[in-house]
Structures are given as structure tokens and as C-alpha cells.
Amino acid sequence: MKLLFVCFMGRNRSRTGAELYAKRGYETRYAGTCDWADVPLTDTLIRWADLVVCMEPYQQRKVLSLSPSAETVVLDILDDYEYNDPALKSLLLTRLKGRLPE
């Protein structure tokens, strides 16, 4: 399964999520919704993914504006975490549990 993790800048939350789930055997990528994101969100990235994992609702709206048929989920994880933060990893695992094939 291919997962695209999306946050604002594509540096902390989405990058952490992509790396965490890549270690669990998923194909992953990450992107940000802002103009200066490390990896900007594009329709091509969205179409690549089986599921787009958004950290906040406004990111889901951005994804759907680019690709209305995209399969998305919102984790409601605010931009309060640094890259690789253990608390962030725990939230990512907890909030995606049951939404992905094991």
C-alpha cells in the first residue's frame, strides 16, 4: 500500500510519518501544502498514493481541491512536534491503527 503523508511544510509531521510507516513495509512519500515546502504537494503525488494521510483538515481540503477522488484520512495532529518526536510517533501509530492493512 502506498501512503502519502501531508502536513504544512513537509518537514516534521509528514516526514516522520513517512519514515515510520516505511519501516513497517509500506511505500511512503511525504509533502507539504505551503509554497515553500521541502517537497511541495502535487496532483502527481496524490495520484501515486492509495491513501493520503493529512495531519489537519485544511490539508485534506487542499488535497481534495487538487484531486477530488483521492482517498484521504485526517489524523488531527497539530503542528506542535519536531521531526522524529517520540510523542508524534505514538500519535501517528495510534491514530492510523485500524485504518491500514497490517
C-alpha atoms as a PDB file:
ATOM      1  CA  MET A   1       0.000   0.000   0.000  1.00  0.00           C
ATOM      2  CA  LYS A   2       1.265   3.482  -0.911  1.00  0.00           C
ATOM      3  CA  LEU A   3       0.865   6.208   1.710  1.00  0.00           C
ATOM      4  CA  LEU A   4       1.372   9.928   1.161  1.00  0.00           C
ATOM      5  CA  PHE A   5       1.765  11.887   4.399  1.00  0.00           C
ATOM      6  CA  VAL A   6       0.859  15.573   4.187  1.00  0.00           C
ATOM      7  CA  CYS A   7       1.499  18.415   6.618  1.00  0.00           C
ATOM      8  CA  PHE A   8       2.143  22.141   6.255  1.00  0.00           C
ATOM      9  CA  MET A   9       5.857  22.323   5.458  1.00  0.00           C
ATOM     10  CA  GLY A  10       6.624  18.659   4.817  1.00  0.00           C
ATOM     11  CA  ARG A  11       9.418  18.664   7.380  1.00  0.00           C
ATOM     12  CA  ASN A  12       8.311  17.290  10.714  1.00  0.00           C
ATOM     13  CA  ARG A  13       4.958  15.508  10.915  1.00  0.00           C
ATOM     14  CA  SER A  14       4.684  14.133   7.389  1.00  0.00           C
ATOM     15  CA  ARG A  15       8.349  13.209   7.138  1.00  0.00           C
ATOM     16  CA  THR A  16       8.196  11.396  10.473  1.00  0.00           C
ATOM     17  CA  GLY A  17       5.047   9.552   9.385  1.00  0.00           C
ATOM     18  CA  ALA A  18       6.546   8.517   6.068  1.00  0.00           C
ATOM     19  CA  GLU A  19       9.708   7.174   7.681  1.00  0.00           C
ATOM     20  CA  LEU A  20       7.808   5.428  10.475  1.00  0.00           C
ATOM     21  CA  TYR A  21       5.484   3.586   8.104  1.00  0.00           C
ATOM     22  CA  ALA A  22       8.217   2.803   5.583  1.00  0.00           C
ATOM     23  CA  LYS A  23       9.854   0.786   8.371  1.00  0.00           C
ATOM     24  CA  ARG A  24       6.578  -1.136   8.634  1.00  0.00           C
ATOM     25  CA  GLY A  25       6.687  -2.181   4.994  1.00  0.00           C
ATOM     26  CA  TYR A  26       4.549   0.490   3.333  1.00  0.00           C
ATOM     27  CA  GLU A  27       5.641   2.503   0.312  1.00  0.00           C
ATOM     28  CA  THR A  28       5.660   6.080   1.539  1.00  0.00           C
ATOM     29  CA  ARG A  29       6.252   9.646   0.478  1.00  0.00           C
ATOM     30  CA  TYR A  30       5.613  12.981   2.146  1.00  0.00           C
ATOM     31  CA  ALA A  31       4.752  16.523   1.100  1.00  0.00           C
ATOM     32  CA  GLY A  32       3.761  19.924   2.414  1.00  0.00           C
ATOM     33  CA  THR A  33       0.936  22.240   1.425  1.00  0.00           C
ATOM     34  CA  CYS A  34       2.781  25.561   1.744  1.00  0.00           C
ATOM     35  CA  ASP A  35       4.562  27.231  -1.164  1.00  0.00           C
ATOM     36  CA  TRP A  36       7.990  26.794   0.454  1.00  0.00           C
ATOM     37  CA  ALA A  37       7.549  23.132   1.487  1.00  0.00           C
ATOM     38  CA  ASP A  38      10.599  20.892   1.198  1.00  0.00           C
ATOM     39  CA  VAL A  39       8.508  18.608  -1.037  1.00  0.00           C
ATOM     40  CA  PRO A  40       5.507  20.527  -2.420  1.00  0.00           C
ATOM     41  CA  LEU A  41       2.181  18.727  -2.691  1.00  0.00           C
ATOM     42  CA  THR A  42       1.252  17.943  -6.305  1.00  0.00           C
ATOM     43  CA  ASP A  43      -1.527  16.131  -8.112  1.00  0.00           C
ATOM     44  CA  THR A  44       1.072  13.598  -9.284  1.00  0.00           C
ATOM     45  CA  LEU A  45       1.992  12.709  -5.696  1.00  0.00           C
ATOM     46  CA  ILE A  46      -1.661  12.447  -4.722  1.00  0.00           C
ATOM     47  CA  ARG A  47      -2.455  10.145  -7.650  1.00  0.00           C
ATOM     48  CA  TRP A  48       0.541   7.957  -6.716  1.00  0.00           C
ATOM     49  CA  ALA A  49      -0.923   7.230  -3.272  1.00  0.00           C
ATOM     50  CA  ASP A  50      -3.527   4.692  -2.274  1.00  0.00           C
ATOM     51  CA  LEU A  51      -4.204   6.783   0.827  1.00  0.00           C
ATOM     52  CA  VAL A  52      -3.316  10.390   1.624  1.00  0.00           C
ATOM     53  CA  VAL A  53      -2.730  10.881   5.351  1.00  0.00           C
ATOM     54  CA  CYS A  54      -3.376  14.506   6.302  1.00  0.00           C
ATOM     55  CA  MET A  55      -2.369  15.926   9.642  1.00  0.00           C
ATOM     56  CA  GLU A  56      -5.100  18.608   9.739  1.00  0.00           C
ATOM     57  CA  PRO A  57      -8.461  19.209   7.984  1.00  0.00           C
ATOM     58  CA  TYR A  58      -7.234  22.153   5.893  1.00  0.00           C
ATOM     59  CA  GLN A  59      -4.596  19.884   4.350  1.00  0.00           C
ATOM     60  CA  GLN A  60      -7.313  17.430   3.388  1.00  0.00           C
ATOM     61  CA  ARG A  61      -9.205  20.283   1.697  1.00  0.00           C
ATOM     62  CA  LYS A  62      -6.047  21.160  -0.265  1.00  0.00           C
ATOM     63  CA  VAL A  63      -5.576  17.533  -1.338  1.00  0.00           C
ATOM     64  CA  LEU A  64      -9.186  17.240  -2.462  1.00  0.00           C
ATOM     65  CA  SER A  65      -9.006  20.537  -4.340  1.00  0.00           C
ATOM     66  CA  LEU A  66      -6.146  19.078  -6.397  1.00  0.00           C
ATOM     67  CA  SER A  67      -7.592  15.582  -6.730  1.00  0.00           C
ATOM     68  CA  PRO A  68     -11.271  15.288  -5.706  1.00  0.00           C
ATOM     69  CA  SER A  69     -11.331  11.482  -5.858  1.00  0.00           C
ATOM     70  CA  ALA A  70      -8.334  10.979  -3.552  1.00  0.00           C
ATOM     71  CA  GLU A  71      -8.768   8.632  -0.620  1.00  0.00           C
ATOM     72  CA  THR A  72      -7.873  10.666   2.479  1.00  0.00           C
ATOM     73  CA  VAL A  73      -7.789  10.446   6.236  1.00  0.00           C
ATOM     74  CA  VAL A  74      -7.235  13.257   8.757  1.00  0.00           C
ATOM     75  CA  LEU A  75      -5.304  12.489  11.949  1.00  0.00           C
ATOM     76  CA  ASP A  76      -5.887  15.826  13.725  1.00  0.00           C
ATOM     77  CA  ILE A  77      -2.242  16.204  14.733  1.00  0.00           C
ATOM     78  CA  LEU A  78      -1.348  19.858  15.238  1.00  0.00           C
ATOM     79  CA  ASP A  79       1.989  21.376  14.247  1.00  0.00           C
ATOM     80  CA  ASP A  80       3.366  21.048  17.783  1.00  0.00           C
ATOM     81  CA  TYR A  81       6.042  18.433  17.135  1.00  0.00           C
ATOM     82  CA  GLU A  82       9.584  18.305  15.855  1.00  0.00           C
ATOM     83  CA  TYR A  83      10.846  15.735  13.400  1.00  0.00           C
ATOM     84  CA  ASN A  84      11.052  12.226  14.893  1.00  0.00           C
ATOM     85  CA  ASP A  85       9.471  13.280  18.223  1.00  0.00           C
ATOM     86  CA  PRO A  86       8.527  10.115  20.179  1.00  0.00           C
ATOM     87  CA  ALA A  87       5.144  11.625  21.118  1.00  0.00           C
ATOM     88  CA  LEU A  88       4.464  12.320  17.428  1.00  0.00           C
ATOM     89  CA  LYS A  89       5.359   8.740  16.501  1.00  0.00           C
ATOM     90  CA  SER A  90       2.980   7.450  19.154  1.00  0.00           C
ATOM     91  CA  LEU A  91       0.146   9.627  17.825  1.00  0.00           C
ATOM     92  CA  LEU A  92       0.792   8.523  14.250  1.00  0.00           C
ATOM     93  CA  LEU A  93       0.669   4.862  15.234  1.00  0.00           C
ATOM     94  CA  THR A  94      -2.421   5.269  17.419  1.00  0.00           C
ATOM     95  CA  ARG A  95      -4.456   7.387  15.017  1.00  0.00           C
ATOM     96  CA  LEU A  96      -3.777   5.229  11.968  1.00  0.00           C
ATOM     97  CA  LYS A  97      -4.381   1.956  13.824  1.00  0.00           C
ATOM     98  CA  GLY A  98      -7.213   0.041  12.235  1.00  0.00           C
ATOM     99  CA  ARG A  99      -7.211   2.205   9.091  1.00  0.00           C
ATOM    100  CA  LEU A 100      -4.447   0.298   7.295  1.00  0.00           C
ATOM    101  CA  PRO A 101      -3.862  -3.347   6.445  1.00  0.00           C
ATOM    102  CA  GLU A 102      -1.454  -4.875   8.945  1.00  0.00           C
END
